[in-house]
Amino acid sequence: MSKRDELIAKYAEDLKDKCGMTADMDLLTKVTIGCGPSIYNRDASTVSGSDEKELETVKNNFIKKKLGVNDDAKATAALNSVMDTYGKSNRTKYRAVIYYMLTKELNKESVY
């Protein structure tokens, strides 16, 4: 099992345990691959839910640029919903899991 496959399995477990969701493994794999090498970097592989600057970066670089959602209110609402689902008190929020949940939340599976 490759390092990436191990991480995808960990992300699927995170979705199940912390978010109560069963992962669409095909989509989760595509989203994880889309994250590129950042999944292997401890700092870059996670998102700080309390850092407004980081959340703004996720909104601008992923929701708007990657998913093509230009409605700022819709992007903010989706990001807040995902962060609430993942749990504000949960310290480790994986970037790939957040991106997966945002893709599902905004019905943008077709991007992948």
Protein backbone atom coordinates (compact mmCIF):
# COMPACT_ATOMS: atom_id res chain seq x y z
CA MET A 1 0.00 0.00 0.00
CA SER A 2 1.45 3.34 -1.04
CA LYS A 3 1.75 6.34 1.27
CA ARG A 4 -1.02 8.09 -0.70
CA ASP A 5 -3.35 5.07 -0.34
CA GLU A 6 -2.68 5.06 3.41
CA LEU A 7 -3.57 8.76 3.61
CA ILE A 8 -6.77 8.26 1.57
CA ALA A 9 -7.81 5.46 3.96
CA LYS A 10 -7.07 7.79 6.90
CA TYR A 11 -9.18 10.56 5.30
CA ALA A 12 -12.08 8.14 4.73
CA GLU A 13 -11.89 7.10 8.38
CA ASP A 14 -11.86 10.78 9.43
CA LEU A 15 -14.99 11.43 7.35
CA LYS A 16 -16.73 8.47 8.96
CA ASP A 17 -15.65 9.06 12.57
CA LYS A 18 -15.66 12.86 12.83
CA CYS A 19 -18.26 13.85 10.22
CA GLY A 20 -20.59 10.86 10.10
CA MET A 21 -20.17 10.55 6.33
CA THR A 22 -19.42 7.54 4.18
CA ALA A 23 -16.79 8.59 1.66
CA ASP A 24 -17.20 8.22 -2.09
CA MET A 25 -13.77 6.65 -2.44
CA ASP A 26 -13.42 7.53 -6.13
CA LEU A 27 -14.09 11.23 -5.47
CA LEU A 28 -11.96 11.24 -2.30
CA THR A 29 -9.06 9.75 -4.28
CA LYS A 30 -9.40 12.39 -7.02
CA VAL A 31 -9.60 15.24 -4.49
CA THR A 32 -6.55 13.88 -2.63
CA ILE A 33 -4.56 13.62 -5.87
CA GLY A 34 -5.66 17.18 -6.67
CA CYS A 35 -4.09 18.39 -3.42
CA GLY A 36 -0.72 17.35 -4.81
CA PRO A 37 2.35 17.05 -2.62
CA SER A 38 0.81 19.15 0.17
CA ILE A 39 -0.74 15.98 1.66
CA TYR A 40 2.74 14.77 2.62
CA ASN A 41 3.67 17.98 4.48
CA ARG A 42 2.44 17.99 8.08
CA ASP A 43 1.61 21.70 8.11
CA ALA A 44 0.21 21.99 4.58
CA SER A 45 -1.94 18.86 4.89
CA THR A 46 -4.14 20.47 7.54
CA VAL A 47 -6.30 23.59 7.71
CA SER A 48 -6.64 25.74 10.80
CA GLY A 49 -10.32 26.35 11.42
CA SER A 50 -9.59 29.34 13.64
CA ASP A 51 -7.22 31.14 11.24
CA GLU A 52 -9.35 33.57 9.21
CA LYS A 53 -6.52 34.18 6.75
CA GLU A 54 -6.18 30.47 6.02
CA LEU A 55 -9.95 30.04 5.61
CA GLU A 56 -9.97 32.99 3.20
CA THR A 57 -7.22 31.27 1.20
CA VAL A 58 -9.27 28.06 1.01
CA LYS A 59 -12.26 30.09 -0.13
CA ASN A 60 -10.35 31.99 -2.81
CA ASN A 61 -8.01 29.27 -4.10
CA PHE A 62 -10.23 26.22 -3.86
CA ILE A 63 -13.89 27.22 -3.83
CA LYS A 64 -13.60 30.10 -6.27
CA LYS A 65 -10.69 29.10 -8.53
CA LYS A 66 -10.92 25.29 -8.54
CA LEU A 67 -14.67 24.76 -8.10
CA GLY A 68 -15.70 27.92 -9.97
CA VAL A 69 -18.11 29.26 -7.33
CA ASN A 70 -17.98 33.05 -7.64
CA ASP A 71 -20.85 33.87 -5.26
CA ASP A 72 -18.99 35.03 -2.15
CA ALA A 73 -21.96 34.47 0.19
CA LYS A 74 -22.46 30.91 -1.13
CA ALA A 75 -18.72 30.18 -0.79
CA THR A 76 -18.63 31.48 2.78
CA ALA A 77 -21.79 29.57 3.74
CA ALA A 78 -20.38 26.32 2.33
CA LEU A 79 -17.05 26.79 4.13
CA ASN A 80 -18.80 27.56 7.44
CA SER A 81 -21.07 24.54 7.04
CA VAL A 82 -18.12 22.22 6.37
CA MET A 83 -16.17 23.60 9.33
CA ASP A 84 -19.19 23.11 11.62
CA THR A 85 -19.65 19.53 10.37
CA TYR A 86 -15.94 18.72 10.83
CA GLY A 87 -16.08 20.23 14.32
CA LYS A 88 -14.57 23.52 15.41
CA SER A 89 -12.95 21.83 18.42
CA ASN A 90 -11.32 19.14 16.28
CA ARG A 91 -7.65 20.17 16.13
CA THR A 92 -6.63 18.15 13.07
CA LYS A 93 -8.65 19.10 10.02
CA TYR A 94 -7.20 17.49 6.90
CA ARG A 95 -7.14 19.65 3.78
CA ALA A 96 -8.21 16.76 1.53
CA VAL A 97 -11.22 16.02 3.77
CA ILE A 98 -12.28 19.69 3.77
CA TYR A 99 -11.90 19.91 -0.01
CA TYR A 100 -13.89 16.68 -0.41
CA MET A 101 -16.69 17.99 1.82
CA LEU A 102 -16.74 21.36 0.02
CA THR A 103 -16.97 19.58 -3.34
CA LYS A 104 -19.95 17.55 -2.06
CA GLU A 105 -21.55 20.55 -0.31
CA LEU A 106 -21.46 22.64 -3.49
CA ASN A 107 -22.41 19.74 -5.80
CA LYS A 108 -19.24 20.25 -7.85
CA GLU A 109 -18.27 16.56 -8.25
CA SER A 110 -18.17 17.15 -12.01
CA VAL A 111 -14.99 19.26 -11.57
CA TYR A 112 -13.20 16.00 -10.82
